[in-house]
Amino acid sequence: MKILVCISHVPDTTSKINFTEGDTKFDTNGVQFVINPNDEFGLTRAMWFKEKQGASVDVVNVGGAETEPTLRKALAIGADSAIRVNTEATDGFAVAKQIAKVVEDGGYDLVIAGRESIDYNGGMVPGMLAAITNANFVNNCISLEVDGTNAKAVREIDGGKETVSTSLPLVVGGQKGLVEESDLRIPNMRGIMMARKKPLNVVEPIGADAATASVSFEKPAPKGAVKLVDAGNLDELVNLLHNEAKVI
């Protein structure tokens, strides 16, 4: 079984986010980048298939050379090889088109992507990738088993969970639950040394126009000062909730 894991290069959640050029560009200065958490769950599950079922695992990213340290971390975790599509990730559709070409060229049976990245939270790539490659698709996936060409997955739905059976080729939009947080892997020294010798192939992009464009960004407004109301002054509390907070 050939597995491709999609890796997004995203800011660490502790990073302070700023914008430049009139709030139209993300400022990367001083920002620490990591593997997208949803992708990390998928990569760890792929490692299980590699160790238990002899699957091969490649990772792919659409981005510039600045994303290569993130791909190297994925290699240190255990992926066999990495592919970087040498173009800026402009929007979900363009990214899905680029990854679809990698899937078709590589003949992958299973593609594991995060259900969304934590930077733009678009949640579009896995579904569009499945449509472009004519593969089956399971989103919000929290459990995945593969037996030959058959797969069984559990996904979150409103108010519960749904178990589905499907077949390869398959695209999965994974998330927390696909593996336990305690099972996530930290690269050790041996893995880091081995990652330096593993192939990281840079491929040129195909023609794929973006379907959307970001006009501007805006950070959340600062929280206002807290108003304390005496526990016995219910009239004042009701007045504030009605006239200022406008929640009742």
C-alpha atoms as a PDB file:
ATOM      1  CA  MET A   1       0.000   0.000   0.000  1.00  0.00           C
ATOM      2  CA  LYS A   2       1.349   3.411  -0.996  1.00  0.00           C
ATOM      3  CA  ILE A   3       0.380   6.239   1.329  1.00  0.00           C
ATOM      4  CA  LEU A   4       0.763   9.968   0.746  1.00  0.00           C
ATOM      5  CA  VAL A   5       0.429  12.289   3.735  1.00  0.00           C
ATOM      6  CA  CYS A   6      -0.260  15.962   3.050  1.00  0.00           C
ATOM      7  CA  ILE A   7       1.782  18.271   5.281  1.00  0.00           C
ATOM      8  CA  SER A   8       0.872  21.915   5.870  1.00  0.00           C
ATOM      9  CA  HIS A   9       3.559  24.305   7.096  1.00  0.00           C
ATOM     10  CA  VAL A  10       1.715  26.408   9.702  1.00  0.00           C
ATOM     11  CA  PRO A  11       2.590  28.875  12.481  1.00  0.00           C
ATOM     12  CA  ASP A  12       2.904  27.485  15.980  1.00  0.00           C
ATOM     13  CA  THR A  13      -0.187  28.406  17.977  1.00  0.00           C
ATOM     14  CA  THR A  14       1.971  30.346  20.463  1.00  0.00           C
ATOM     15  CA  SER A  15       3.298  32.684  17.753  1.00  0.00           C
ATOM     16  CA  LYS A  16       2.192  36.302  17.668  1.00  0.00           C
ATOM     17  CA  ILE A  17       0.507  36.984  14.339  1.00  0.00           C
ATOM     18  CA  ASN A  18       0.933  40.234  12.422  1.00  0.00           C
ATOM     19  CA  PHE A  19       0.244  41.454   8.901  1.00  0.00           C
ATOM     20  CA  THR A  20       2.050  43.755   6.501  1.00  0.00           C
ATOM     21  CA  GLU A  21       1.377  45.693   3.287  1.00  0.00           C
ATOM     22  CA  GLY A  22      -1.886  47.151   4.504  1.00  0.00           C
ATOM     23  CA  ASP A  23      -3.009  43.941   6.232  1.00  0.00           C
ATOM     24  CA  THR A  24      -2.850  41.989   2.964  1.00  0.00           C
ATOM     25  CA  LYS A  25       0.209  39.795   3.686  1.00  0.00           C
ATOM     26  CA  PHE A  26       1.089  37.534   6.597  1.00  0.00           C
ATOM     27  CA  ASP A  27       4.260  38.656   8.392  1.00  0.00           C
ATOM     28  CA  THR A  28       6.504  35.618   8.915  1.00  0.00           C
ATOM     29  CA  ASN A  29       9.210  37.460  10.863  1.00  0.00           C
ATOM     30  CA  GLY A  30       9.841  35.798  14.205  1.00  0.00           C
ATOM     31  CA  VAL A  31       7.216  33.110  13.612  1.00  0.00           C
ATOM     32  CA  GLN A  32       7.974  29.462  14.443  1.00  0.00           C
ATOM     33  CA  PHE A  33       6.468  27.008  11.953  1.00  0.00           C
ATOM     34  CA  VAL A  34       5.363  23.440  12.670  1.00  0.00           C
ATOM     35  CA  ILE A  35       3.557  20.506  11.060  1.00  0.00           C
ATOM     36  CA  ASN A  36      -0.169  21.221  10.992  1.00  0.00           C
ATOM     37  CA  PRO A  37      -1.608  19.335  14.019  1.00  0.00           C
ATOM     38  CA  ASN A  38      -4.336  17.577  11.997  1.00  0.00           C
ATOM     39  CA  ASP A  39      -1.654  16.419   9.546  1.00  0.00           C
ATOM     40  CA  GLU A  40       0.490  15.159  12.416  1.00  0.00           C
ATOM     41  CA  PHE A  41      -2.316  12.840  13.541  1.00  0.00           C
ATOM     42  CA  GLY A  42      -2.520  11.528   9.972  1.00  0.00           C
ATOM     43  CA  LEU A  43       1.245  11.054   9.703  1.00  0.00           C
ATOM     44  CA  THR A  44       1.306   9.071  12.934  1.00  0.00           C
ATOM     45  CA  ARG A  45      -1.486   6.811  11.654  1.00  0.00           C
ATOM     46  CA  ALA A  46       0.442   6.321   8.415  1.00  0.00           C
ATOM     47  CA  MET A  47       3.462   5.230  10.482  1.00  0.00           C
ATOM     48  CA  TRP A  48       1.267   2.548  12.042  1.00  0.00           C
ATOM     49  CA  PHE A  49       0.352   1.216   8.585  1.00  0.00           C
ATOM     50  CA  LYS A  50       4.035   1.252   7.658  1.00  0.00           C
ATOM     51  CA  GLU A  51       5.110  -0.703  10.724  1.00  0.00           C
ATOM     52  CA  LYS A  52       2.185  -3.139  10.886  1.00  0.00           C
ATOM     53  CA  GLN A  53       1.355  -3.651   7.215  1.00  0.00           C
ATOM     54  CA  GLY A  54       4.540  -2.754   5.362  1.00  0.00           C
ATOM     55  CA  ALA A  55       3.103   0.343   3.680  1.00  0.00           C
ATOM     56  CA  SER A  56       5.353   2.965   2.116  1.00  0.00           C
ATOM     57  CA  VAL A  57       4.781   6.525   3.299  1.00  0.00           C
ATOM     58  CA  ASP A  58       5.606   9.721   1.424  1.00  0.00           C
ATOM     59  CA  VAL A  59       4.803  13.266   2.501  1.00  0.00           C
ATOM     60  CA  VAL A  60       3.968  16.235   0.288  1.00  0.00           C
ATOM     61  CA  ASN A  61       3.798  19.987   0.717  1.00  0.00           C
ATOM     62  CA  VAL A  62       2.932  22.801  -1.657  1.00  0.00           C
ATOM     63  CA  GLY A  63       5.216  25.725  -0.865  1.00  0.00           C
ATOM     64  CA  GLY A  64       8.590  27.378  -1.147  1.00  0.00           C
ATOM     65  CA  ALA A  65      11.977  26.287   0.179  1.00  0.00           C
ATOM     66  CA  GLU A  66      11.068  27.679   3.608  1.00  0.00           C
ATOM     67  CA  THR A  67       8.795  24.663   4.164  1.00  0.00           C
ATOM     68  CA  GLU A  68      11.590  22.104   3.841  1.00  0.00           C
ATOM     69  CA  PRO A  69      12.489  22.021   7.578  1.00  0.00           C
ATOM     70  CA  THR A  70       8.880  20.982   8.258  1.00  0.00           C
ATOM     71  CA  LEU A  71       9.145  18.224   5.647  1.00  0.00           C
ATOM     72  CA  ARG A  72      12.439  17.105   7.169  1.00  0.00           C
ATOM     73  CA  LYS A  73      10.697  16.776  10.524  1.00  0.00           C
ATOM     74  CA  ALA A  74       8.121  14.504   8.879  1.00  0.00           C
ATOM     75  CA  LEU A  75      10.987  12.436   7.474  1.00  0.00           C
ATOM     76  CA  ALA A  76      12.568  12.274  10.930  1.00  0.00           C
ATOM     77  CA  ILE A  77       9.282  10.964  12.313  1.00  0.00           C
ATOM     78  CA  GLY A  78       9.502   8.092   9.844  1.00  0.00           C
ATOM     79  CA  ALA A  79       8.253   8.994   6.362  1.00  0.00           C
ATOM     80  CA  ASP A  80      10.248   7.387   3.540  1.00  0.00           C
ATOM     81  CA  SER A  81      10.528  10.377   1.231  1.00  0.00           C
ATOM     82  CA  ALA A  82       9.206  13.900   0.778  1.00  0.00           C
ATOM     83  CA  ILE A  83       7.897  15.887  -2.175  1.00  0.00           C
ATOM     84  CA  ARG A  84       7.740  19.673  -2.317  1.00  0.00           C
ATOM     85  CA  VAL A  85       5.731  21.287  -5.092  1.00  0.00           C
ATOM     86  CA  ASN A  86       7.677  24.446  -5.772  1.00  0.00           C
ATOM     87  CA  THR A  87       4.948  27.085  -5.732  1.00  0.00           C
ATOM     88  CA  GLU A  88       3.173  29.296  -3.233  1.00  0.00           C
ATOM     89  CA  ALA A  89       0.050  27.808  -1.683  1.00  0.00           C
ATOM     90  CA  THR A  90      -2.353  30.480  -2.853  1.00  0.00           C
ATOM     91  CA  ASP A  91      -5.728  28.859  -2.124  1.00  0.00           C
ATOM     92  CA  GLY A  92      -7.339  25.482  -1.468  1.00  0.00           C
ATOM     93  CA  PHE A  93      -8.252  24.746  -5.084  1.00  0.00           C
ATOM     94  CA  ALA A  94      -4.767  25.453  -6.415  1.00  0.00           C
ATOM     95  CA  VAL A  95      -3.214  23.322  -3.670  1.00  0.00           C
ATOM     96  CA  ALA A  96      -5.617  20.438  -4.395  1.00  0.00           C
ATOM     97  CA  LYS A  97      -4.734  20.582  -8.107  1.00  0.00           C
ATOM     98  CA  GLN A  98      -1.018  20.429  -7.368  1.00  0.00           C
ATOM     99  CA  ILE A  99      -1.350  17.514  -4.938  1.00  0.00           C
ATOM    100  CA  ALA A 100      -3.661  15.689  -7.349  1.00  0.00           C
ATOM    101  CA  LYS A 101      -0.850  15.652  -9.930  1.00  0.00           C
ATOM    102  CA  VAL A 102       1.489  14.158  -7.308  1.00  0.00           C
ATOM    103  CA  VAL A 103      -1.125  11.506  -6.449  1.00  0.00           C
ATOM    104  CA  GLU A 104      -1.653  10.563 -10.072  1.00  0.00           C
ATOM    105  CA  ASP A 105       2.069  10.409 -10.855  1.00  0.00           C
ATOM    106  CA  GLY A 106       2.819   8.370  -7.722  1.00  0.00           C
ATOM    107  CA  GLY A 107      -0.084   5.935  -7.945  1.00  0.00           C
ATOM    108  CA  TYR A 108      -0.988   6.299  -4.262  1.00  0.00           C
ATOM    109  CA  ASP A 109      -3.674   4.086  -2.749  1.00  0.00           C
ATOM    110  CA  LEU A 110      -4.365   6.184   0.347  1.00  0.00           C
ATOM    111  CA  VAL A 111      -4.002   9.923   0.859  1.00  0.00           C
ATOM    112  CA  ILE A 112      -4.213  11.233   4.417  1.00  0.00           C
ATOM    113  CA  ALA A 113      -4.673  14.973   4.852  1.00  0.00           C
ATOM    114  CA  GLY A 114      -5.725  17.050   7.820  1.00  0.00           C
ATOM    115  CA  ARG A 115      -9.381  18.039   7.675  1.00  0.00           C
ATOM    116  CA  GLU A 116      -8.148  21.649   7.777  1.00  0.00           C
ATOM    117  CA  SER A 117      -5.004  23.646   8.479  1.00  0.00           C
ATOM    118  CA  ILE A 118      -4.861  25.777  11.597  1.00  0.00           C
ATOM    119  CA  ASP A 119      -3.744  28.917   9.756  1.00  0.00           C
ATOM    120  CA  TYR A 120      -6.550  29.575   7.253  1.00  0.00           C
ATOM    121  CA  ASN A 121      -8.976  26.867   8.444  1.00  0.00           C
ATOM    122  CA  GLY A 122     -10.323  26.480   4.915  1.00  0.00           C
ATOM    123  CA  GLY A 123     -11.108  22.766   5.161  1.00  0.00           C
ATOM    124  CA  MET A 124     -11.333  22.520   1.368  1.00  0.00           C
ATOM    125  CA  VAL A 125      -8.302  20.585   0.139  1.00  0.00           C
ATOM    126  CA  PRO A 126      -9.161  16.958   1.068  1.00  0.00           C
ATOM    127  CA  GLY A 127     -12.617  17.021  -0.520  1.00  0.00           C
ATOM    128  CA  MET A 128     -11.461  18.736  -3.697  1.00  0.00           C
ATOM    129  CA  LEU A 129      -8.479  16.399  -3.934  1.00  0.00           C
ATOM    130  CA  ALA A 130     -10.793  13.374  -3.758  1.00  0.00           C
ATOM    131  CA  ALA A 131     -13.035  14.841  -6.455  1.00  0.00           C
ATOM    132  CA  ILE A 132     -10.133  15.631  -8.790  1.00  0.00           C
ATOM    133  CA  THR A 133      -8.545  12.179  -8.413  1.00  0.00           C
ATOM    134  CA  ASN A 134     -11.902  10.335  -8.464  1.00  0.00           C
ATOM    135  CA  ALA A 135     -11.167   8.709  -5.087  1.00  0.00           C
ATOM    136  CA  ASN A 136     -13.493   7.870  -2.218  1.00  0.00           C
ATOM    137  CA  PHE A 137     -13.535  10.425   0.585  1.00  0.00           C
ATOM    138  CA  VAL A 138     -14.055  10.375   4.348  1.00  0.00           C
ATOM    139  CA  ASN A 139     -13.806  13.659   6.242  1.00  0.00           C
ATOM    140  CA  ASN A 140     -13.563  14.357   9.999  1.00  0.00           C
ATOM    141  CA  CYS A 141     -11.997  10.914  10.304  1.00  0.00           C
ATOM    142  CA  ILE A 142     -11.152   9.714  13.831  1.00  0.00           C
ATOM    143  CA  SER A 143     -10.398   6.033  13.107  1.00  0.00           C
ATOM    144  CA  LEU A 144      -9.097   4.202  10.060  1.00  0.00           C
ATOM    145  CA  GLU A 145      -8.405   0.530   9.334  1.00  0.00           C
ATOM    146  CA  VAL A 146      -7.332  -0.914   5.970  1.00  0.00           C
ATOM    147  CA  ASP A 147      -7.531  -4.579   4.962  1.00  0.00           C
ATOM    148  CA  GLY A 148      -6.293  -5.149   1.435  1.00  0.00           C
ATOM    149  CA  THR A 149      -8.292  -2.764  -0.747  1.00  0.00           C
ATOM    150  CA  ASN A 150     -11.075  -2.373   1.798  1.00  0.00           C
ATOM    151  CA  ALA A 151     -11.196   0.307   4.462  1.00  0.00           C
ATOM    152  CA  LYS A 152     -13.305   0.993   7.518  1.00  0.00           C
ATOM    153  CA  ALA A 153     -13.405   4.502   8.944  1.00  0.00           C
ATOM    154  CA  VAL A 154     -15.136   6.303  11.770  1.00  0.00           C
ATOM    155  CA  ARG A 155     -15.945   9.968  11.356  1.00  0.00           C
ATOM    156  CA  GLU A 156     -17.452  12.590  13.607  1.00  0.00           C
ATOM    157  CA  ILE A 157     -20.940  13.820  12.714  1.00  0.00           C
ATOM    158  CA  ASP A 158     -23.271  16.224  14.497  1.00  0.00           C
ATOM    159  CA  GLY A 159     -24.206  14.606  17.768  1.00  0.00           C
ATOM    160  CA  GLY A 160     -22.180  11.439  17.386  1.00  0.00           C
ATOM    161  CA  LYS A 161     -20.043   9.199  15.206  1.00  0.00           C
ATOM    162  CA  GLU A 162     -20.580   7.293  11.970  1.00  0.00           C
ATOM    163  CA  THR A 163     -18.782   4.122  10.871  1.00  0.00           C
ATOM    164  CA  VAL A 164     -18.407   3.714   7.125  1.00  0.00           C
ATOM    165  CA  SER A 165     -16.918   1.028   4.887  1.00  0.00           C
ATOM    166  CA  THR A 166     -15.282   1.987   1.618  1.00  0.00           C
ATOM    167  CA  SER A 167     -12.452   0.957  -0.676  1.00  0.00           C
ATOM    168  CA  LEU A 168      -9.163   2.251  -1.994  1.00  0.00           C
ATOM    169  CA  PRO A 169      -8.222   4.609  -3.535  1.00  0.00           C
ATOM    170  CA  LEU A 170      -9.252   6.771  -0.604  1.00  0.00           C
ATOM    171  CA  VAL A 171      -8.682  10.325   0.595  1.00  0.00           C
ATOM    172  CA  VAL A 172      -9.083  10.936   4.317  1.00  0.00           C
ATOM    173  CA  GLY A 173      -9.526  14.253   6.105  1.00  0.00           C
ATOM    174  CA  GLY A 174      -8.082  13.345   9.492  1.00  0.00           C
ATOM    175  CA  GLN A 175      -8.193  15.052  12.867  1.00  0.00           C
ATOM    176  CA  LYS A 176      -7.576  14.537  16.561  1.00  0.00           C
ATOM    177  CA  GLY A 177      -8.705  11.011  17.418  1.00  0.00           C
ATOM    178  CA  LEU A 178      -7.178   9.359  14.368  1.00  0.00           C
ATOM    179  CA  VAL A 179      -4.499   8.482  16.908  1.00  0.00           C
ATOM    180  CA  GLU A 180      -4.239   9.384  20.569  1.00  0.00           C
ATOM    181  CA  GLU A 181      -2.259  12.505  21.433  1.00  0.00           C
ATOM    182  CA  SER A 182       0.017  10.335  23.553  1.00  0.00           C
ATOM    183  CA  ASP A 183       0.940   8.377  20.397  1.00  0.00           C
ATOM    184  CA  LEU A 184       2.235  11.425  18.501  1.00  0.00           C
ATOM    185  CA  ARG A 185       5.927  11.051  17.754  1.00  0.00           C
ATOM    186  CA  ILE A 186       8.810  13.378  18.497  1.00  0.00           C
ATOM    187  CA  PRO A 187      11.816  12.931  16.209  1.00  0.00           C
ATOM    188  CA  ASN A 188      14.748  11.322  18.029  1.00  0.00           C
ATOM    189  CA  MET A 189      18.413  11.786  17.162  1.00  0.00           C
ATOM    190  CA  ARG A 190      18.510   8.638  15.023  1.00  0.00           C
ATOM    191  CA  GLY A 191      15.450   9.780  13.080  1.00  0.00           C
ATOM    192  CA  ILE A 192      16.924  13.245  12.548  1.00  0.00           C
ATOM    193  CA  MET A 193      20.195  11.784  11.237  1.00  0.00           C
ATOM    194  CA  MET A 194      18.365   9.376   8.927  1.00  0.00           C
ATOM    195  CA  ALA A 195      16.144  12.178   7.624  1.00  0.00           C
ATOM    196  CA  ARG A 196      19.189  13.936   6.195  1.00  0.00           C
ATOM    197  CA  LYS A 197      19.771  10.987   3.856  1.00  0.00           C
ATOM    198  CA  LYS A 198      16.157  10.517   2.767  1.00  0.00           C
ATOM    199  CA  PRO A 199      15.078  12.004  -0.576  1.00  0.00           C
ATOM    200  CA  LEU A 200      13.307  15.355  -0.652  1.00  0.00           C
ATOM    201  CA  ASN A 201      12.215  15.831  -4.236  1.00  0.00           C
ATOM    202  CA  VAL A 202      11.296  19.261  -5.547  1.00  0.00           C
ATOM    203  CA  VAL A 203       8.838  19.202  -8.452  1.00  0.00           C
ATOM    204  CA  GLU A 204       7.661  22.091 -10.555  1.00  0.00           C
ATOM    205  CA  PRO A 205       3.971  23.035 -10.387  1.00  0.00           C
ATOM    206  CA  ILE A 206       1.371  22.467 -13.064  1.00  0.00           C
ATOM    207  CA  GLY A 207      -0.779  25.317 -14.290  1.00  0.00           C
ATOM    208  CA  ALA A 208      -3.518  25.841 -11.712  1.00  0.00           C
ATOM    209  CA  ASP A 209      -5.225  29.187 -11.231  1.00  0.00           C
ATOM    210  CA  ALA A 210      -6.414  30.100  -7.777  1.00  0.00           C
ATOM    211  CA  ALA A 211     -10.187  30.212  -7.407  1.00  0.00           C
ATOM    212  CA  THR A 212     -10.116  32.650  -4.475  1.00  0.00           C
ATOM    213  CA  ALA A 213      -7.901  35.459  -3.213  1.00  0.00           C
ATOM    214  CA  SER A 214      -7.450  36.967   0.234  1.00  0.00           C
ATOM    215  CA  VAL A 215      -8.393  40.652   0.168  1.00  0.00           C
ATOM    216  CA  SER A 216      -7.248  41.580   3.681  1.00  0.00           C
ATOM    217  CA  PHE A 217      -6.722  40.200   7.167  1.00  0.00           C
ATOM    218  CA  GLU A 218      -7.931  41.527  10.495  1.00  0.00           C
ATOM    219  CA  LYS A 219      -6.981  40.447  13.987  1.00  0.00           C
ATOM    220  CA  PRO A 220      -9.719  40.066  16.618  1.00  0.00           C
ATOM    221  CA  ALA A 221     -10.558  43.264  18.455  1.00  0.00           C
ATOM    222  CA  PRO A 222      -9.011  43.535  21.947  1.00  0.00           C
ATOM    223  CA  LYS A 223     -11.251  42.406  24.741  1.00  0.00           C
ATOM    224  CA  GLY A 224     -12.931  45.210  26.674  1.00  0.00           C
ATOM    225  CA  ALA A 225     -12.511  45.858  30.356  1.00  0.00           C
ATOM    226  CA  VAL A 226     -14.362  43.589  32.743  1.00  0.00           C
ATOM    227  CA  LYS A 227     -17.272  45.081  34.661  1.00  0.00           C
ATOM    228  CA  LEU A 228     -17.973  43.607  38.074  1.00  0.00           C
ATOM    229  CA  VAL A 229     -21.542  43.686  39.341  1.00  0.00           C
ATOM    230  CA  ASP A 230     -22.457  43.122  42.952  1.00  0.00           C
ATOM    231  CA  ALA A 231     -24.167  39.768  43.422  1.00  0.00           C
ATOM    232  CA  GLY A 232     -27.228  41.456  44.921  1.00  0.00           C
ATOM    233  CA  ASN A 233     -27.657  44.016  42.131  1.00  0.00           C
ATOM    234  CA  LEU A 234     -29.584  41.936  39.611  1.00  0.00           C
ATOM    235  CA  ASP A 235     -31.207  44.982  37.982  1.00  0.00           C
ATOM    236  CA  GLU A 236     -27.822  46.387  37.017  1.00  0.00           C
ATOM    237  CA  LEU A 237     -26.721  43.000  35.678  1.00  0.00           C
ATOM    238  CA  VAL A 238     -29.833  42.694  33.527  1.00  0.00           C
ATOM    239  CA  ASN A 239     -29.368  46.257  32.276  1.00  0.00           C
ATOM    240  CA  LEU A 240     -25.756  45.587  31.207  1.00  0.00           C
ATOM    241  CA  LEU A 241     -26.621  42.315  29.501  1.00  0.00           C
ATOM    242  CA  HIS A 242     -29.514  43.912  27.643  1.00  0.00           C
ATOM    243  CA  ASN A 243     -28.162  47.349  26.685  1.00  0.00           C
ATOM    244  CA  GLU A 244     -24.401  46.833  26.420  1.00  0.00           C
ATOM    245  CA  ALA A 245     -23.722  43.161  25.755  1.00  0.00           C
ATOM    246  CA  LYS A 246     -27.039  42.843  23.889  1.00  0.00           C
ATOM    247  CA  VAL A 247     -27.298  39.132  24.680  1.00  0.00           C
ATOM    248  CA  ILE A 248     -30.786  39.263  26.162  1.00  0.00           C
END
